[in-house]
All heavy atoms as atom14 arrays in JSON, in Angstrom:
{
  "sequence": "SGGGLVHAGGALRLSCVGSGDTLDQWSVGWFRQAPGKEREGFSY",
  "atom14_mask": [
    [1, 1, 1, 1, 1, 1, 0, 0, 0, 0, 0, 0, 0, 0],
    [1, 1, 1, 1, 0, 0, 0, 0, 0, 0, 0, 0, 0, 0],
    [1, 1, 1, 1, 0, 0, 0, 0, 0, 0, 0, 0, 0, 0],
    [1, 1, 1, 1, 0, 0, 0, 0, 0, 0, 0, 0, 0, 0],
    [1, 1, 1, 1, 1, 1, 1, 1, 0, 0, 0, 0, 0, 0],
    [1, 1, 1, 1, 1, 1, 1, 0, 0, 0, 0, 0, 0, 0],
    [1, 1, 1, 1, 1, 1, 1, 1, 1, 1, 0, 0, 0, 0],
    [1, 1, 1, 1, 1, 0, 0, 0, 0, 0, 0, 0, 0, 0],
    [1, 1, 1, 1, 0, 0, 0, 0, 0, 0, 0, 0, 0, 0],
    [1, 1, 1, 1, 0, 0, 0, 0, 0, 0, 0, 0, 0, 0],
    [1, 1, 1, 1, 1, 0, 0, 0, 0, 0, 0, 0, 0, 0],
    [1, 1, 1, 1, 1, 1, 1, 1, 0, 0, 0, 0, 0, 0],
    [1, 1, 1, 1, 1, 1, 1, 1, 1, 1, 1, 0, 0, 0],
    [1, 1, 1, 1, 1, 1, 1, 1, 0, 0, 0, 0, 0, 0],
    [1, 1, 1, 1, 1, 1, 0, 0, 0, 0, 0, 0, 0, 0],
    [1, 1, 1, 1, 1, 1, 0, 0, 0, 0, 0, 0, 0, 0],
    [1, 1, 1, 1, 1, 1, 1, 0, 0, 0, 0, 0, 0, 0],
    [1, 1, 1, 1, 0, 0, 0, 0, 0, 0, 0, 0, 0, 0],
    [1, 1, 1, 1, 1, 1, 0, 0, 0, 0, 0, 0, 0, 0],
    [1, 1, 1, 1, 0, 0, 0, 0, 0, 0, 0, 0, 0, 0],
    [1, 1, 1, 1, 1, 1, 1, 1, 0, 0, 0, 0, 0, 0],
    [1, 1, 1, 1, 1, 1, 1, 0, 0, 0, 0, 0, 0, 0],
    [1, 1, 1, 1, 1, 1, 1, 1, 0, 0, 0, 0, 0, 0],
    [1, 1, 1, 1, 1, 1, 1, 1, 0, 0, 0, 0, 0, 0],
    [1, 1, 1, 1, 1, 1, 1, 1, 1, 0, 0, 0, 0, 0],
    [1, 1, 1, 1, 1, 1, 1, 1, 1, 1, 1, 1, 1, 1],
    [1, 1, 1, 1, 1, 1, 0, 0, 0, 0, 0, 0, 0, 0],
    [1, 1, 1, 1, 1, 1, 1, 0, 0, 0, 0, 0, 0, 0],
    [1, 1, 1, 1, 0, 0, 0, 0, 0, 0, 0, 0, 0, 0],
    [1, 1, 1, 1, 1, 1, 1, 1, 1, 1, 1, 1, 1, 1],
    [1, 1, 1, 1, 1, 1, 1, 1, 1, 1, 1, 0, 0, 0],
    [1, 1, 1, 1, 1, 1, 1, 1, 1, 1, 1, 0, 0, 0],
    [1, 1, 1, 1, 1, 1, 1, 1, 1, 0, 0, 0, 0, 0],
    [1, 1, 1, 1, 1, 0, 0, 0, 0, 0, 0, 0, 0, 0],
    [1, 1, 1, 1, 1, 1, 1, 0, 0, 0, 0, 0, 0, 0],
    [1, 1, 1, 1, 0, 0, 0, 0, 0, 0, 0, 0, 0, 0],
    [1, 1, 1, 1, 1, 1, 1, 1, 1, 0, 0, 0, 0, 0],
    [1, 1, 1, 1, 1, 1, 1, 1, 1, 0, 0, 0, 0, 0],
    [1, 1, 1, 1, 1, 1, 1, 1, 1, 1, 1, 0, 0, 0],
    [1, 1, 1, 1, 1, 1, 1, 1, 1, 0, 0, 0, 0, 0],
    [1, 1, 1, 1, 0, 0, 0, 0, 0, 0, 0, 0, 0, 0],
    [1, 1, 1, 1, 1, 1, 1, 1, 1, 1, 1, 0, 0, 0],
    [1, 1, 1, 1, 1, 1, 0, 0, 0, 0, 0, 0, 0, 0],
    [1, 1, 1, 1, 1, 1, 1, 1, 1, 1, 1, 1, 0, 0]
  ],
  "atom14_positions": [
    [[0.85, -1.18, 0.0], [0.0, 0.0, 0.0], [0.89, 1.23, 0.0], [2.1, 1.14, 0.18], [-0.92, 0.01, 1.22], [-0.17, 0.1, 2.42], [0.0, 0.0, 0.0], [0.0, 0.0, 0.0], [0.0, 0.0, 0.0], [0.0, 0.0, 0.0], [0.0, 0.0, 0.0], [0.0, 0.0, 0.0], [0.0, 0.0, 0.0], [0.0, 0.0, 0.0]],
    [[0.28, 2.37, -0.22], [1.0, 3.63, -0.15], [1.27, 4.28, -1.49], [1.77, 5.41, -1.54], [0.0, 0.0, 0.0], [0.0, 0.0, 0.0], [0.0, 0.0, 0.0], [0.0, 0.0, 0.0], [0.0, 0.0, 0.0], [0.0, 0.0, 0.0], [0.0, 0.0, 0.0], [0.0, 0.0, 0.0], [0.0, 0.0, 0.0], [0.0, 0.0, 0.0]],
    [[0.93, 3.61, -2.57], [1.13, 4.23, -3.87], [0.18, 5.39, -4.08], [-0.85, 5.5, -3.41], [0.0, 0.0, 0.0], [0.0, 0.0, 0.0], [0.0, 0.0, 0.0], [0.0, 0.0, 0.0], [0.0, 0.0, 0.0], [0.0, 0.0, 0.0], [0.0, 0.0, 0.0], [0.0, 0.0, 0.0], [0.0, 0.0, 0.0], [0.0, 0.0, 0.0]],
    [[0.53, 6.28, -5.0], [-0.35, 7.42, -5.26], [0.33, 8.4, -6.18], [1.33, 8.09, -6.82], [0.0, 0.0, 0.0], [0.0, 0.0, 0.0], [0.0, 0.0, 0.0], [0.0, 0.0, 0.0], [0.0, 0.0, 0.0], [0.0, 0.0, 0.0], [0.0, 0.0, 0.0], [0.0, 0.0, 0.0], [0.0, 0.0, 0.0], [0.0, 0.0, 0.0]],
    [[-0.25, 9.6, -6.26], [0.3, 10.64, -7.11], [1.43, 11.36, -6.38], [1.29, 11.69, -5.2], [-0.78, 11.64, -7.49], [-1.91, 11.12, -8.37], [-2.97, 12.2, -8.57], [-1.37, 10.64, -9.71], [0.0, 0.0, 0.0], [0.0, 0.0, 0.0], [0.0, 0.0, 0.0], [0.0, 0.0, 0.0], [0.0, 0.0, 0.0], [0.0, 0.0, 0.0]],
    [[2.49, 11.61, -7.07], [3.61, 12.34, -6.46], [4.28, 13.18, -7.54], [4.4, 12.77, -8.69], [4.61, 11.36, -5.8], [5.19, 10.38, -6.81], [5.71, 12.1, -5.09], [0.0, 0.0, 0.0], [0.0, 0.0, 0.0], [0.0, 0.0, 0.0], [0.0, 0.0, 0.0], [0.0, 0.0, 0.0], [0.0, 0.0, 0.0], [0.0, 0.0, 0.0]],
    [[4.7, 14.38, -7.15], [5.43, 15.24, -8.06], [6.8, 14.66, -8.35], [7.41, 14.02, -7.48], [5.64, 16.63, -7.43], [4.52, 17.57, -7.66], [4.2, 18.07, -8.91], [3.62, 18.11, -6.81], [3.16, 18.88, -8.8], [2.78, 18.93, -7.55], [0.0, 0.0, 0.0], [0.0, 0.0, 0.0], [0.0, 0.0, 0.0], [0.0, 0.0, 0.0]],
    [[7.29, 14.9, -9.55], [8.69, 14.57, -9.84], [9.57, 15.32, -8.86], [9.36, 16.5, -8.59], [9.04, 14.97, -11.27], [0.0, 0.0, 0.0], [0.0, 0.0, 0.0], [0.0, 0.0, 0.0], [0.0, 0.0, 0.0], [0.0, 0.0, 0.0], [0.0, 0.0, 0.0], [0.0, 0.0, 0.0], [0.0, 0.0, 0.0], [0.0, 0.0, 0.0]],
    [[10.47, 14.6, -8.25], [11.31, 15.19, -7.21], [10.74, 15.04, -5.82], [11.38, 15.39, -4.83], [0.0, 0.0, 0.0], [0.0, 0.0, 0.0], [0.0, 0.0, 0.0], [0.0, 0.0, 0.0], [0.0, 0.0, 0.0], [0.0, 0.0, 0.0], [0.0, 0.0, 0.0], [0.0, 0.0, 0.0], [0.0, 0.0, 0.0], [0.0, 0.0, 0.0]],
    [[9.5, 14.5, -5.73], [8.85, 14.33, -4.44], [9.2, 13.03, -3.76], [10.05, 12.27, -4.23], [0.0, 0.0, 0.0], [0.0, 0.0, 0.0], [0.0, 0.0, 0.0], [0.0, 0.0, 0.0], [0.0, 0.0, 0.0], [0.0, 0.0, 0.0], [0.0, 0.0, 0.0], [0.0, 0.0, 0.0], [0.0, 0.0, 0.0], [0.0, 0.0, 0.0]],
    [[8.49, 12.77, -2.65], [8.77, 11.59, -1.84], [7.49, 10.8, -1.61], [6.38, 11.34, -1.62], [9.37, 12.0, -0.5], [0.0, 0.0, 0.0], [0.0, 0.0, 0.0], [0.0, 0.0, 0.0], [0.0, 0.0, 0.0], [0.0, 0.0, 0.0], [0.0, 0.0, 0.0], [0.0, 0.0, 0.0], [0.0, 0.0, 0.0], [0.0, 0.0, 0.0]],
    [[7.68, 9.51, -1.4], [6.55, 8.62, -1.16], [7.05, 7.43, -0.37], [8.2, 7.01, -0.54], [5.96, 8.15, -2.49], [4.54, 7.58, -2.5], [3.53, 8.65, -2.11], [4.21, 7.03, -3.88], [0.0, 0.0, 0.0], [0.0, 0.0, 0.0], [0.0, 0.0, 0.0], [0.0, 0.0, 0.0], [0.0, 0.0, 0.0], [0.0, 0.0, 0.0]],
    [[6.21, 6.89, 0.5], [6.58, 5.69, 1.24], [5.57, 4.59, 0.94], [4.36, 4.77, 1.11], [6.63, 5.96, 2.75], [7.18, 4.77, 3.53], [7.25, 5.04, 5.02], [5.95, 4.94, 5.67], [5.78, 4.89, 6.98], [6.82, 4.96, 7.79], [4.57, 4.83, 7.49], [0.0, 0.0, 0.0], [0.0, 0.0, 0.0], [0.0, 0.0, 0.0]],
    [[6.08, 3.46, 0.53], [5.27, 2.27, 0.29], [5.44, 1.31, 1.46], [6.51, 1.23, 2.06], [5.67, 1.58, -1.0], [5.68, 2.44, -2.26], [6.07, 1.6, -3.47], [4.35, 3.12, -2.47], [0.0, 0.0, 0.0], [0.0, 0.0, 0.0], [0.0, 0.0, 0.0], [0.0, 0.0, 0.0], [0.0, 0.0, 0.0], [0.0, 0.0, 0.0]],
    [[4.38, 0.58, 1.73], [4.4, -0.41, 2.81], [4.17, -1.8, 2.24], [3.38, -1.96, 1.31], [3.31, -0.12, 3.84], [3.45, 1.16, 4.4], [0.0, 0.0, 0.0], [0.0, 0.0, 0.0], [0.0, 0.0, 0.0], [0.0, 0.0, 0.0], [0.0, 0.0, 0.0], [0.0, 0.0, 0.0], [0.0, 0.0, 0.0], [0.0, 0.0, 0.0]],
    [[4.82, -2.77, 2.82], [4.61, -4.18, 2.49], [4.35, -4.88, 3.82], [5.28, -5.05, 4.62], [5.83, -4.74, 1.79], [5.76, -6.53, 1.49], [0.0, 0.0, 0.0], [0.0, 0.0, 0.0], [0.0, 0.0, 0.0], [0.0, 0.0, 0.0], [0.0, 0.0, 0.0], [0.0, 0.0, 0.0], [0.0, 0.0, 0.0], [0.0, 0.0, 0.0]],
    [[3.11, -5.24, 4.06], [2.72, -5.86, 5.32], [2.62, -7.36, 5.15], [1.97, -7.85, 4.22], [1.38, -5.3, 5.83], [0.99, -5.97, 7.14], [1.47, -3.8, 6.0], [0.0, 0.0, 0.0], [0.0, 0.0, 0.0], [0.0, 0.0, 0.0], [0.0, 0.0, 0.0], [0.0, 0.0, 0.0], [0.0, 0.0, 0.0], [0.0, 0.0, 0.0]],
    [[3.28, -8.08, 6.02], [3.23, -9.53, 5.97], [2.22, -10.09, 6.94], [1.97, -9.53, 8.0], [0.0, 0.0, 0.0], [0.0, 0.0, 0.0], [0.0, 0.0, 0.0], [0.0, 0.0, 0.0], [0.0, 0.0, 0.0], [0.0, 0.0, 0.0], [0.0, 0.0, 0.0], [0.0, 0.0, 0.0], [0.0, 0.0, 0.0], [0.0, 0.0, 0.0]],
    [[1.61, -11.23, 6.58], [0.74, -11.96, 7.48], [0.97, -13.44, 7.26], [1.42, -13.86, 6.19], [-0.73, -11.61, 7.25], [-1.14, -11.95, 5.94], [0.0, 0.0, 0.0], [0.0, 0.0, 0.0], [0.0, 0.0, 0.0], [0.0, 0.0, 0.0], [0.0, 0.0, 0.0], [0.0, 0.0, 0.0], [0.0, 0.0, 0.0], [0.0, 0.0, 0.0]],
    [[0.69, -14.22, 8.28], [0.86, -15.66, 8.17], [2.24, -16.15, 8.59], [2.44, -17.34, 8.8], [0.0, 0.0, 0.0], [0.0, 0.0, 0.0], [0.0, 0.0, 0.0], [0.0, 0.0, 0.0], [0.0, 0.0, 0.0], [0.0, 0.0, 0.0], [0.0, 0.0, 0.0], [0.0, 0.0, 0.0], [0.0, 0.0, 0.0], [0.0, 0.0, 0.0]],
    [[3.2, -15.25, 8.69], [4.54, -15.6, 9.15], [5.25, -14.3, 9.51], [4.82, -13.21, 9.14], [5.32, -16.33, 8.06], [6.47, -17.14, 8.62], [6.77, -17.02, 9.84], [7.11, -17.89, 7.85], [0.0, 0.0, 0.0], [0.0, 0.0, 0.0], [0.0, 0.0, 0.0], [0.0, 0.0, 0.0], [0.0, 0.0, 0.0], [0.0, 0.0, 0.0]],
    [[6.36, -14.43, 10.23], [7.1, -13.24, 10.62], [8.04, -12.84, 9.51], [8.91, -13.61, 9.08], [7.89, -13.49, 11.92], [8.63, -14.7, 11.76], [6.97, -13.61, 13.11], [0.0, 0.0, 0.0], [0.0, 0.0, 0.0], [0.0, 0.0, 0.0], [0.0, 0.0, 0.0], [0.0, 0.0, 0.0], [0.0, 0.0, 0.0], [0.0, 0.0, 0.0]],
    [[7.88, -11.61, 9.05], [8.59, -11.14, 7.87], [10.09, -10.99, 8.11], [10.87, -11.0, 7.16], [7.98, -9.8, 7.42], [8.06, -9.42, 5.95], [7.55, -10.53, 5.06], [7.3, -8.13, 5.72], [0.0, 0.0, 0.0], [0.0, 0.0, 0.0], [0.0, 0.0, 0.0], [0.0, 0.0, 0.0], [0.0, 0.0, 0.0], [0.0, 0.0, 0.0]],
    [[10.5, -10.87, 9.37], [11.93, -10.67, 9.62], [12.76, -11.92, 9.34], [13.99, -11.85, 9.35], [12.18, -10.14, 11.03], [11.81, -11.13, 12.11], [11.28, -12.21, 11.78], [12.05, -10.84, 13.29], [0.0, 0.0, 0.0], [0.0, 0.0, 0.0], [0.0, 0.0, 0.0], [0.0, 0.0, 0.0], [0.0, 0.0, 0.0], [0.0, 0.0, 0.0]],
    [[12.11, -13.05, 9.11], [12.82, -14.26, 8.73], [13.01, -14.38, 7.22], [13.69, -15.3, 6.75], [12.05, -15.49, 9.23], [11.85, -15.52, 10.75], [13.17, -15.59, 11.48], [14.05, -16.37, 11.11], [13.32, -14.76, 12.51], [0.0, 0.0, 0.0], [0.0, 0.0, 0.0], [0.0, 0.0, 0.0], [0.0, 0.0, 0.0], [0.0, 0.0, 0.0]],
    [[12.41, -13.48, 6.47], [12.37, -13.58, 5.03], [13.22, -12.49, 4.37], [13.32, -11.37, 4.89], [10.93, -13.43, 4.53], [10.02, -14.53, 4.95], [9.59, -14.8, 6.23], [9.42, -15.52, 4.11], [8.74, -15.89, 6.23], [8.62, -16.34, 4.95], [9.45, -15.78, 2.74], [7.89, -17.42, 4.44], [8.71, -16.83, 2.25], [7.95, -17.64, 3.09]],
    [[13.8, -12.82, 3.23], [14.37, -11.8, 2.36], [13.22, -11.11, 1.65], [12.29, -11.77, 1.16], [15.3, -12.43, 1.33], [16.37, -13.09, 1.96], [0.0, 0.0, 0.0], [0.0, 0.0, 0.0], [0.0, 0.0, 0.0], [0.0, 0.0, 0.0], [0.0, 0.0, 0.0], [0.0, 0.0, 0.0], [0.0, 0.0, 0.0], [0.0, 0.0, 0.0]],
    [[13.28, -9.79, 1.59], [12.21, -9.02, 0.95], [12.8, -8.12, -0.12], [13.76, -7.39, 0.13], [11.45, -8.18, 1.99], [10.4, -7.3, 1.3], [10.78, -9.08, 3.02], [0.0, 0.0, 0.0], [0.0, 0.0, 0.0], [0.0, 0.0, 0.0], [0.0, 0.0, 0.0], [0.0, 0.0, 0.0], [0.0, 0.0, 0.0], [0.0, 0.0, 0.0]],
    [[12.24, -8.18, -1.29], [12.68, -7.34, -2.39], [11.57, -6.44, -2.88], [10.39, -6.71, -2.67], [0.0, 0.0, 0.0], [0.0, 0.0, 0.0], [0.0, 0.0, 0.0], [0.0, 0.0, 0.0], [0.0, 0.0, 0.0], [0.0, 0.0, 0.0], [0.0, 0.0, 0.0], [0.0, 0.0, 0.0], [0.0, 0.0, 0.0], [0.0, 0.0, 0.0]],
    [[11.95, -5.37, -3.54], [10.99, -4.46, -4.17], [11.23, -4.44, -5.67], [12.39, -4.37, -6.13], [11.12, -3.05, -3.6], [10.51, -2.88, -2.25], [11.13, -2.98, -1.04], [9.13, -2.61, -1.97], [10.23, -2.78, -0.03], [9.0, -2.54, -0.57], [7.99, -2.4, -2.75], [7.78, -2.28, 0.07], [6.78, -2.15, -2.14], [6.68, -2.08, -0.74]],
    [[10.13, -4.47, -6.4], [10.17, -4.49, -7.84], [9.2, -3.43, -8.37], [8.27, -3.03, -7.67], [9.74, -5.87, -8.38], [10.7, -6.97, -8.06], [10.77, -7.51, -6.78], [11.56, -7.46, -9.03], [11.67, -8.52, -6.47], [12.46, -8.48, -8.74], [12.51, -9.0, -7.46], [0.0, 0.0, 0.0], [0.0, 0.0, 0.0], [0.0, 0.0, 0.0]],
    [[9.4, -3.0, -9.58], [8.47, -2.1, -10.21], [8.3, -2.48, -11.67], [9.19, -3.08, -12.28], [8.93, -0.64, -10.09], [10.25, -0.35, -10.75], [10.71, 1.06, -10.41], [12.05, 1.33, -10.93], [12.75, 2.42, -10.64], [12.23, 3.35, -9.85], [13.95, 2.59, -11.16], [0.0, 0.0, 0.0], [0.0, 0.0, 0.0], [0.0, 0.0, 0.0]],
    [[7.14, -2.12, -12.21], [6.84, -2.46, -13.59], [6.05, -1.34, -14.23], [4.99, -0.94, -13.72], [6.05, -3.77, -13.66], [5.86, -4.29, -15.07], [5.31, -5.7, -15.09], [4.68, -6.16, -14.14], [5.55, -6.41, -16.18], [0.0, 0.0, 0.0], [0.0, 0.0, 0.0], [0.0, 0.0, 0.0], [0.0, 0.0, 0.0], [0.0, 0.0, 0.0]],
    [[6.58, -0.81, -15.31], [5.87, 0.2, -16.1], [4.99, -0.5, -17.11], [5.29, -1.64, -17.52], [6.87, 1.11, -16.79], [0.0, 0.0, 0.0], [0.0, 0.0, 0.0], [0.0, 0.0, 0.0], [0.0, 0.0, 0.0], [0.0, 0.0, 0.0], [0.0, 0.0, 0.0], [0.0, 0.0, 0.0], [0.0, 0.0, 0.0], [0.0, 0.0, 0.0]],
    [[3.92, 0.15, -17.54], [3.03, -0.47, -18.53], [3.79, -0.91, -19.76], [4.56, -0.14, -20.34], [2.04, 0.64, -18.85], [2.04, 1.51, -17.65], [3.44, 1.46, -17.12], [0.0, 0.0, 0.0], [0.0, 0.0, 0.0], [0.0, 0.0, 0.0], [0.0, 0.0, 0.0], [0.0, 0.0, 0.0], [0.0, 0.0, 0.0], [0.0, 0.0, 0.0]],
    [[3.61, -2.17, -20.16], [4.24, -2.68, -21.36], [5.72, -3.0, -21.23], [6.37, -3.31, -22.23], [0.0, 0.0, 0.0], [0.0, 0.0, 0.0], [0.0, 0.0, 0.0], [0.0, 0.0, 0.0], [0.0, 0.0, 0.0], [0.0, 0.0, 0.0], [0.0, 0.0, 0.0], [0.0, 0.0, 0.0], [0.0, 0.0, 0.0], [0.0, 0.0, 0.0]],
    [[6.24, -2.93, -20.01], [7.68, -3.17, -19.84], [7.91, -4.34, -18.88], [7.02, -4.79, -18.18], [8.36, -1.91, -19.3], [8.22, -0.72, -20.23], [9.48, 0.09, -20.24], [9.39, 1.15, -21.32], [10.35, 2.24, -21.09], [0.0, 0.0, 0.0], [0.0, 0.0, 0.0], [0.0, 0.0, 0.0], [0.0, 0.0, 0.0], [0.0, 0.0, 0.0]],
    [[9.16, -4.8, -18.89], [9.55, -5.88, -17.99], [9.57, -5.4, -16.55], [9.84, -4.23, -16.27], [10.97, -6.36, -18.36], [11.09, -7.01, -19.72], [10.66, -8.45, -19.68], [10.9, -9.12, -18.66], [10.06, -8.9, -20.68], [0.0, 0.0, 0.0], [0.0, 0.0, 0.0], [0.0, 0.0, 0.0], [0.0, 0.0, 0.0], [0.0, 0.0, 0.0]],
    [[9.27, -6.3, -15.64], [9.38, -5.98, -14.24], [10.85, -5.8, -13.86], [11.71, -6.57, -14.3], [8.76, -7.12, -13.41], [8.69, -6.88, -11.93], [7.94, -8.0, -11.27], [8.48, -9.29, -11.63], [7.84, -10.44, -11.47], [6.61, -10.45, -10.98], [8.41, -11.58, -11.81], [0.0, 0.0, 0.0], [0.0, 0.0, 0.0], [0.0, 0.0, 0.0]],
    [[11.11, -4.78, -13.05], [12.49, -4.43, -12.69], [12.67, -4.53, -11.18], [11.94, -3.89, -10.42], [12.78, -2.99, -13.13], [14.12, -2.46, -12.67], [14.2, -0.94, -12.78], [13.17, -0.31, -13.11], [15.29, -0.39, -12.51], [0.0, 0.0, 0.0], [0.0, 0.0, 0.0], [0.0, 0.0, 0.0], [0.0, 0.0, 0.0], [0.0, 0.0, 0.0]],
    [[13.63, -5.31, -10.76], [13.97, -5.38, -9.34], [15.05, -4.38, -9.03], [16.0, -4.21, -9.8], [0.0, 0.0, 0.0], [0.0, 0.0, 0.0], [0.0, 0.0, 0.0], [0.0, 0.0, 0.0], [0.0, 0.0, 0.0], [0.0, 0.0, 0.0], [0.0, 0.0, 0.0], [0.0, 0.0, 0.0], [0.0, 0.0, 0.0], [0.0, 0.0, 0.0]],
    [[14.96, -3.69, -7.91], [15.93, -2.63, -7.64], [16.41, -2.58, -6.2], [17.31, -1.79, -5.88], [15.34, -1.27, -8.03], [14.05, -0.96, -7.34], [14.04, -0.35, -6.1], [12.84, -1.26, -7.94], [12.84, -0.06, -5.46], [11.64, -0.99, -7.31], [11.65, -0.38, -6.07], [0.0, 0.0, 0.0], [0.0, 0.0, 0.0], [0.0, 0.0, 0.0]],
    [[15.83, -3.37, -5.3], [16.34, -3.34, -3.94], [15.88, -4.57, -3.17], [14.87, -5.19, -3.51], [15.89, -2.08, -3.2], [14.49, -2.1, -2.98], [0.0, 0.0, 0.0], [0.0, 0.0, 0.0], [0.0, 0.0, 0.0], [0.0, 0.0, 0.0], [0.0, 0.0, 0.0], [0.0, 0.0, 0.0], [0.0, 0.0, 0.0], [0.0, 0.0, 0.0]],
    [[16.63, -4.91, -2.12], [16.18, -5.99, -1.25], [16.83, -5.88, 0.11], [17.83, -5.17, 0.29], [16.45, -7.36, -1.88], [17.82, -7.96, -1.57], [17.95, -9.03, -0.7], [18.96, -7.46, -2.19], [19.18, -9.58, -0.44], [20.2, -8.02, -1.92], [20.3, -9.09, -1.05], [21.53, -9.63, -0.79], [0.0, 0.0, 0.0], [0.0, 0.0, 0.0]]
  ]
}
């Protein structure tokens, strides 16, 4: 959650909430995908 409209040069915070298990035991990565493009991984 947390996506929305933001100005170029602005800031935004996204959240990834885990359920069913404790997330601190897991590797977590963030990916993004533009329309018509390949999904891109950029952090973990």
